[in-house]
Amino acid sequence: MKCVACKTQDCYDGKDCTELRDEITDMYNDEDRRSLKVSASIEAKYYMKKTRIEELIMYANEMGYKKLGLAFCVGLTSEARTLAKILKQDFEVHSVCCKVCGIDKDKFELARLHPDREVDSMCNPAGQAKMLNQENTELNIILGLCIGHDTLFTKYSDAPVTTIAVKDRVLTHNPLGVIYSNYYLENVFKLK
């Protein structure tokens, strides 16, 4: 598939260029279909009207989730605290930071960010997932996990995972800023 090269995007109007429509339709189980229904309802009613956090709250409520997990980067602790306060108005919230267990990077021969420190704790996405799995969270939220750590967290999470923000220290956690920046497009990625 190379959908980015498509000039017409006829799938938007119902065309199936894959010949997989029936097979893929059958992949969705009852819980998946429920999620699709809730998501489509939120999109239809609140398109361009609600923020992602408001949509998250509506989605979790309509799915009947009571226990949410928050896997966050210690660099975004302040944001995580604010998000947890917001979510605690409607849900039981369990949170776990990326440095949980305090495992030194030397344990896995990882590059050290702070070579001058005696211990340079690694990010521990499998540990974050395990902690939230033990709490039986029903939906887990990623807030600012590093690239790669987010994929490992998702891999080990028993609950479905959504992302509220990704880490991009350079662009204040807005990675799409690069797409809108002529400077980056021309000078870094050499696209223009």
C-alpha atoms as a PDB file:
ATOM      1  CA  MET A   1       0.000   0.000   0.000  1.00  0.00           C
ATOM      2  CA  LYS A   2       1.148   3.490  -0.838  1.00  0.00           C
ATOM      3  CA  CYS A   3      -1.874   5.545   0.082  1.00  0.00           C
ATOM      4  CA  VAL A   4       0.192   8.718   0.430  1.00  0.00           C
ATOM      5  CA  ALA A   5       0.792   8.591  -3.333  1.00  0.00           C
ATOM      6  CA  CYS A   6      -2.913   8.247  -4.147  1.00  0.00           C
ATOM      7  CA  LYS A   7      -4.307  11.268  -5.980  1.00  0.00           C
ATOM      8  CA  THR A   8      -8.013  10.470  -5.600  1.00  0.00           C
ATOM      9  CA  GLN A   9      -8.467   8.734  -2.233  1.00  0.00           C
ATOM     10  CA  ASP A  10     -11.604   7.099  -3.574  1.00  0.00           C
ATOM     11  CA  CYS A  11     -11.815   4.948  -0.428  1.00  0.00           C
ATOM     12  CA  TYR A  12     -13.273   8.067   1.191  1.00  0.00           C
ATOM     13  CA  ASP A  13     -16.283   7.476  -1.075  1.00  0.00           C
ATOM     14  CA  GLY A  14     -16.413   3.700  -0.518  1.00  0.00           C
ATOM     15  CA  LYS A  15     -14.060   2.247  -3.136  1.00  0.00           C
ATOM     16  CA  ASP A  16     -12.164  -0.891  -2.046  1.00  0.00           C
ATOM     17  CA  CYS A  17      -8.848  -1.005  -3.877  1.00  0.00           C
ATOM     18  CA  THR A  18      -7.567  -3.858  -1.697  1.00  0.00           C
ATOM     19  CA  GLU A  19     -10.073  -6.673  -2.277  1.00  0.00           C
ATOM     20  CA  LEU A  20      -9.811  -7.290   1.474  1.00  0.00           C
ATOM     21  CA  ARG A  21     -12.961  -5.523   2.654  1.00  0.00           C
ATOM     22  CA  ASP A  22     -14.828  -8.675   3.754  1.00  0.00           C
ATOM     23  CA  GLU A  23     -11.790 -10.266   5.393  1.00  0.00           C
ATOM     24  CA  ILE A  24     -10.964  -7.106   7.319  1.00  0.00           C
ATOM     25  CA  THR A  25     -14.584  -6.499   8.278  1.00  0.00           C
ATOM     26  CA  ASP A  26     -14.642  -9.959   9.855  1.00  0.00           C
ATOM     27  CA  MET A  27     -11.554  -9.145  11.943  1.00  0.00           C
ATOM     28  CA  TYR A  28     -13.499  -6.758  14.189  1.00  0.00           C
ATOM     29  CA  ASN A  29     -14.895  -8.568  17.235  1.00  0.00           C
ATOM     30  CA  ASP A  30     -17.819  -7.287  19.321  1.00  0.00           C
ATOM     31  CA  GLU A  31     -15.595  -5.165  21.611  1.00  0.00           C
ATOM     32  CA  ASP A  32     -13.837  -3.668  18.571  1.00  0.00           C
ATOM     33  CA  ARG A  33     -17.176  -2.817  16.986  1.00  0.00           C
ATOM     34  CA  ARG A  34     -18.303  -1.180  20.210  1.00  0.00           C
ATOM     35  CA  SER A  35     -15.155   0.961  20.196  1.00  0.00           C
ATOM     36  CA  LEU A  36     -15.748   1.884  16.553  1.00  0.00           C
ATOM     37  CA  LYS A  37     -19.337   2.858  17.332  1.00  0.00           C
ATOM     38  CA  VAL A  38     -18.357   5.055  20.286  1.00  0.00           C
ATOM     39  CA  SER A  39     -15.522   6.677  18.320  1.00  0.00           C
ATOM     40  CA  ALA A  40     -17.729   7.400  15.317  1.00  0.00           C
ATOM     41  CA  SER A  41     -20.407   8.882  17.557  1.00  0.00           C
ATOM     42  CA  ILE A  42     -17.909  11.246  19.211  1.00  0.00           C
ATOM     43  CA  GLU A  43     -16.508  12.249  15.827  1.00  0.00           C
ATOM     44  CA  ALA A  44     -19.972  12.874  14.353  1.00  0.00           C
ATOM     45  CA  LYS A  45     -21.261  14.906  17.301  1.00  0.00           C
ATOM     46  CA  TYR A  46     -18.145  16.846  18.289  1.00  0.00           C
ATOM     47  CA  TYR A  47     -15.961  17.190  15.204  1.00  0.00           C
ATOM     48  CA  MET A  48     -13.833  20.342  15.636  1.00  0.00           C
ATOM     49  CA  LYS A  49     -15.653  21.098  18.900  1.00  0.00           C
ATOM     50  CA  LYS A  50     -13.857  19.070  21.592  1.00  0.00           C
ATOM     51  CA  THR A  51     -10.226  18.739  22.613  1.00  0.00           C
ATOM     52  CA  ARG A  52      -8.463  15.385  22.673  1.00  0.00           C
ATOM     53  CA  ILE A  53      -8.738  15.260  26.476  1.00  0.00           C
ATOM     54  CA  GLU A  54     -12.485  15.939  26.311  1.00  0.00           C
ATOM     55  CA  GLU A  55     -12.798  13.219  23.668  1.00  0.00           C
ATOM     56  CA  LEU A  56     -10.795  10.839  25.860  1.00  0.00           C
ATOM     57  CA  ILE A  57     -13.175  11.401  28.768  1.00  0.00           C
ATOM     58  CA  MET A  58     -16.251  10.907  26.559  1.00  0.00           C
ATOM     59  CA  TYR A  59     -14.764   7.782  24.968  1.00  0.00           C
ATOM     60  CA  ALA A  60     -13.832   6.202  28.307  1.00  0.00           C
ATOM     61  CA  ASN A  61     -17.236   7.009  29.796  1.00  0.00           C
ATOM     62  CA  GLU A  62     -19.167   5.666  26.816  1.00  0.00           C
ATOM     63  CA  MET A  63     -17.033   2.511  26.781  1.00  0.00           C
ATOM     64  CA  GLY A  64     -17.905   2.034  30.453  1.00  0.00           C
ATOM     65  CA  TYR A  65     -14.308   2.179  31.645  1.00  0.00           C
ATOM     66  CA  LYS A  66     -13.850   2.932  35.325  1.00  0.00           C
ATOM     67  CA  LYS A  67     -10.090   2.377  35.785  1.00  0.00           C
ATOM     68  CA  LEU A  68      -7.618   4.302  33.662  1.00  0.00           C
ATOM     69  CA  GLY A  69      -3.859   3.939  33.589  1.00  0.00           C
ATOM     70  CA  LEU A  70      -1.482   6.811  32.925  1.00  0.00           C
ATOM     71  CA  ALA A  71       2.038   5.928  31.730  1.00  0.00           C
ATOM     72  CA  PHE A  72       4.061   9.122  31.706  1.00  0.00           C
ATOM     73  CA  CYS A  73       7.563  10.490  31.299  1.00  0.00           C
ATOM     74  CA  VAL A  74       9.098  11.968  34.452  1.00  0.00           C
ATOM     75  CA  GLY A  75       9.908  15.037  32.353  1.00  0.00           C
ATOM     76  CA  LEU A  76       6.157  15.594  32.045  1.00  0.00           C
ATOM     77  CA  THR A  77       5.261  15.030  35.692  1.00  0.00           C
ATOM     78  CA  SER A  78       3.522  18.389  35.995  1.00  0.00           C
ATOM     79  CA  GLU A  79       1.372  17.671  32.934  1.00  0.00           C
ATOM     80  CA  ALA A  80       0.649  14.162  34.231  1.00  0.00           C
ATOM     81  CA  ARG A  81      -0.503  15.554  37.576  1.00  0.00           C
ATOM     82  CA  THR A  82      -2.867  17.975  35.856  1.00  0.00           C
ATOM     83  CA  LEU A  83      -4.218  15.281  33.542  1.00  0.00           C
ATOM     84  CA  ALA A  84      -4.714  12.904  36.486  1.00  0.00           C
ATOM     85  CA  LYS A  85      -6.654  15.611  38.386  1.00  0.00           C
ATOM     86  CA  ILE A  86      -8.912  16.084  35.372  1.00  0.00           C
ATOM     87  CA  LEU A  87      -9.460  12.344  34.884  1.00  0.00           C
ATOM     88  CA  LYS A  88     -10.013  11.656  38.601  1.00  0.00           C
ATOM     89  CA  GLN A  89     -13.243  13.641  38.373  1.00  0.00           C
ATOM     90  CA  ASP A  90     -14.748  10.708  36.450  1.00  0.00           C
ATOM     91  CA  PHE A  91     -12.397   7.737  36.857  1.00  0.00           C
ATOM     92  CA  GLU A  92     -10.129   5.797  39.154  1.00  0.00           C
ATOM     93  CA  VAL A  93      -6.669   6.721  37.840  1.00  0.00           C
ATOM     94  CA  HIS A  94      -3.477   4.712  38.308  1.00  0.00           C
ATOM     95  CA  SER A  95      -0.258   6.367  37.194  1.00  0.00           C
ATOM     96  CA  VAL A  96       3.277   5.137  36.725  1.00  0.00           C
ATOM     97  CA  CYS A  97       6.338   7.120  35.662  1.00  0.00           C
ATOM     98  CA  CYS A  98       8.907   5.915  33.161  1.00  0.00           C
ATOM     99  CA  LYS A  99      11.695   5.426  35.729  1.00  0.00           C
ATOM    100  CA  VAL A 100       9.696   2.932  37.817  1.00  0.00           C
ATOM    101  CA  CYS A 101      11.933   0.323  39.517  1.00  0.00           C
ATOM    102  CA  GLY A 102      15.024   2.551  39.177  1.00  0.00           C
ATOM    103  CA  ILE A 103      16.915   0.107  36.946  1.00  0.00           C
ATOM    104  CA  ASP A 104      20.378   1.438  36.071  1.00  0.00           C
ATOM    105  CA  LYS A 105      21.074   1.707  32.345  1.00  0.00           C
ATOM    106  CA  ASP A 106      24.288  -0.244  32.952  1.00  0.00           C
ATOM    107  CA  LYS A 107      22.145  -3.349  33.573  1.00  0.00           C
ATOM    108  CA  PHE A 108      21.419  -3.500  29.807  1.00  0.00           C
ATOM    109  CA  GLU A 109      24.503  -1.605  28.621  1.00  0.00           C
ATOM    110  CA  LEU A 110      22.383   1.363  27.536  1.00  0.00           C
ATOM    111  CA  ALA A 111      23.791   4.743  26.577  1.00  0.00           C
ATOM    112  CA  ARG A 112      23.837   7.028  29.593  1.00  0.00           C
ATOM    113  CA  LEU A 113      22.238  10.462  29.442  1.00  0.00           C
ATOM    114  CA  HIS A 114      23.924  11.392  32.739  1.00  0.00           C
ATOM    115  CA  PRO A 115      27.362   9.707  32.774  1.00  0.00           C
ATOM    116  CA  ASP A 116      28.369  11.741  35.842  1.00  0.00           C
ATOM    117  CA  ARG A 117      25.648  10.157  37.993  1.00  0.00           C
ATOM    118  CA  GLU A 118      26.308   6.998  39.964  1.00  0.00           C
ATOM    119  CA  VAL A 119      22.972   5.608  38.763  1.00  0.00           C
ATOM    120  CA  ASP A 120      21.338   6.658  35.495  1.00  0.00           C
ATOM    121  CA  SER A 121      17.918   5.007  35.635  1.00  0.00           C
ATOM    122  CA  MET A 122      16.528   3.685  32.390  1.00  0.00           C
ATOM    123  CA  CYS A 123      13.013   4.208  31.148  1.00  0.00           C
ATOM    124  CA  ASN A 124      11.061   1.054  31.927  1.00  0.00           C
ATOM    125  CA  PRO A 125       8.017   0.713  29.641  1.00  0.00           C
ATOM    126  CA  ALA A 126       7.557  -3.010  30.377  1.00  0.00           C
ATOM    127  CA  GLY A 127       7.547  -2.158  34.075  1.00  0.00           C
ATOM    128  CA  GLN A 128       5.016   0.603  33.523  1.00  0.00           C
ATOM    129  CA  ALA A 129       2.744  -1.819  31.681  1.00  0.00           C
ATOM    130  CA  LYS A 130       3.159  -4.481  34.372  1.00  0.00           C
ATOM    131  CA  MET A 131       2.229  -2.024  37.126  1.00  0.00           C
ATOM    132  CA  LEU A 132      -0.921  -0.951  35.284  1.00  0.00           C
ATOM    133  CA  ASN A 133      -1.770  -4.555  34.362  1.00  0.00           C
ATOM    134  CA  GLN A 134      -1.637  -5.414  38.078  1.00  0.00           C
ATOM    135  CA  GLU A 135      -4.182  -2.652  38.704  1.00  0.00           C
ATOM    136  CA  ASN A 136      -6.458  -4.138  36.008  1.00  0.00           C
ATOM    137  CA  THR A 137      -6.775  -0.841  34.203  1.00  0.00           C
ATOM    138  CA  GLU A 138      -9.273  -0.861  31.355  1.00  0.00           C
ATOM    139  CA  LEU A 139      -7.671   1.834  29.199  1.00  0.00           C
ATOM    140  CA  ASN A 140      -4.077   3.039  29.365  1.00  0.00           C
ATOM    141  CA  ILE A 141      -2.930   6.493  28.325  1.00  0.00           C
ATOM    142  CA  ILE A 142       0.569   7.358  27.138  1.00  0.00           C
ATOM    143  CA  LEU A 143       1.816  10.821  28.055  1.00  0.00           C
ATOM    144  CA  GLY A 144       5.193  11.702  26.573  1.00  0.00           C
ATOM    145  CA  LEU A 145       6.977   8.363  26.481  1.00  0.00           C
ATOM    146  CA  CYS A 146      10.137   8.290  24.372  1.00  0.00           C
ATOM    147  CA  ILE A 147      10.152   6.810  20.892  1.00  0.00           C
ATOM    148  CA  GLY A 148      10.508   3.049  21.221  1.00  0.00           C
ATOM    149  CA  HIS A 149       9.425   3.104  24.852  1.00  0.00           C
ATOM    150  CA  ASP A 150       5.887   3.876  23.697  1.00  0.00           C
ATOM    151  CA  THR A 151       5.960   0.813  21.424  1.00  0.00           C
ATOM    152  CA  LEU A 152       7.218  -1.445  24.222  1.00  0.00           C
ATOM    153  CA  PHE A 153       4.599  -0.098  26.633  1.00  0.00           C
ATOM    154  CA  THR A 154       1.882  -0.818  24.069  1.00  0.00           C
ATOM    155  CA  LYS A 155       3.298  -4.306  23.476  1.00  0.00           C
ATOM    156  CA  TYR A 156       3.164  -5.233  27.177  1.00  0.00           C
ATOM    157  CA  SER A 157      -0.093  -3.487  28.123  1.00  0.00           C
ATOM    158  CA  ASP A 158      -3.049  -5.790  28.697  1.00  0.00           C
ATOM    159  CA  ALA A 159      -5.490  -2.892  28.259  1.00  0.00           C
ATOM    160  CA  PRO A 160      -5.993  -0.941  25.042  1.00  0.00           C
ATOM    161  CA  VAL A 161      -3.665   2.059  24.751  1.00  0.00           C
ATOM    162  CA  THR A 162      -4.236   5.596  23.532  1.00  0.00           C
ATOM    163  CA  THR A 163      -1.765   8.449  23.315  1.00  0.00           C
ATOM    164  CA  ILE A 164      -2.520  11.901  24.661  1.00  0.00           C
ATOM    165  CA  ALA A 165       0.889  13.355  23.743  1.00  0.00           C
ATOM    166  CA  VAL A 166       4.165  12.138  22.321  1.00  0.00           C
ATOM    167  CA  LYS A 167       7.571  13.365  23.352  1.00  0.00           C
ATOM    168  CA  ASP A 168       9.242  15.955  21.174  1.00  0.00           C
ATOM    169  CA  ARG A 169      11.465  18.098  23.358  1.00  0.00           C
ATOM    170  CA  VAL A 170      12.479  20.355  20.478  1.00  0.00           C
ATOM    171  CA  LEU A 171       8.926  21.229  19.387  1.00  0.00           C
ATOM    172  CA  THR A 172       7.189  21.317  22.784  1.00  0.00           C
ATOM    173  CA  HIS A 173       5.707  17.863  22.220  1.00  0.00           C
ATOM    174  CA  ASN A 174       4.178  18.786  18.888  1.00  0.00           C
ATOM    175  CA  PRO A 175       5.991  16.591  16.345  1.00  0.00           C
ATOM    176  CA  LEU A 176       3.763  17.770  13.497  1.00  0.00           C
ATOM    177  CA  GLY A 177       5.372  21.181  13.878  1.00  0.00           C
ATOM    178  CA  VAL A 178       8.095  19.875  11.563  1.00  0.00           C
ATOM    179  CA  ILE A 179       5.522  19.297   8.821  1.00  0.00           C
ATOM    180  CA  TYR A 180       4.387  22.919   9.090  1.00  0.00           C
ATOM    181  CA  SER A 181       7.913  24.374   9.253  1.00  0.00           C
ATOM    182  CA  ASN A 182       9.494  25.452   5.970  1.00  0.00           C
ATOM    183  CA  TYR A 183      12.820  25.691   7.789  1.00  0.00           C
ATOM    184  CA  TYR A 184      12.775  22.020   8.787  1.00  0.00           C
ATOM    185  CA  LEU A 185      11.382  20.860   5.459  1.00  0.00           C
ATOM    186  CA  GLU A 186      14.024  22.749   3.466  1.00  0.00           C
ATOM    187  CA  ASN A 187      17.100  22.630   5.700  1.00  0.00           C
ATOM    188  CA  VAL A 188      16.778  19.430   7.692  1.00  0.00           C
ATOM    189  CA  PHE A 189      14.787  17.106   5.434  1.00  0.00           C
ATOM    190  CA  LYS A 190      15.793  18.730   2.105  1.00  0.00           C
ATOM    191  CA  LEU A 191      12.260  18.518   0.695  1.00  0.00           C
ATOM    192  CA  LYS A 192      11.965  21.867  -1.076  1.00  0.00           C
END
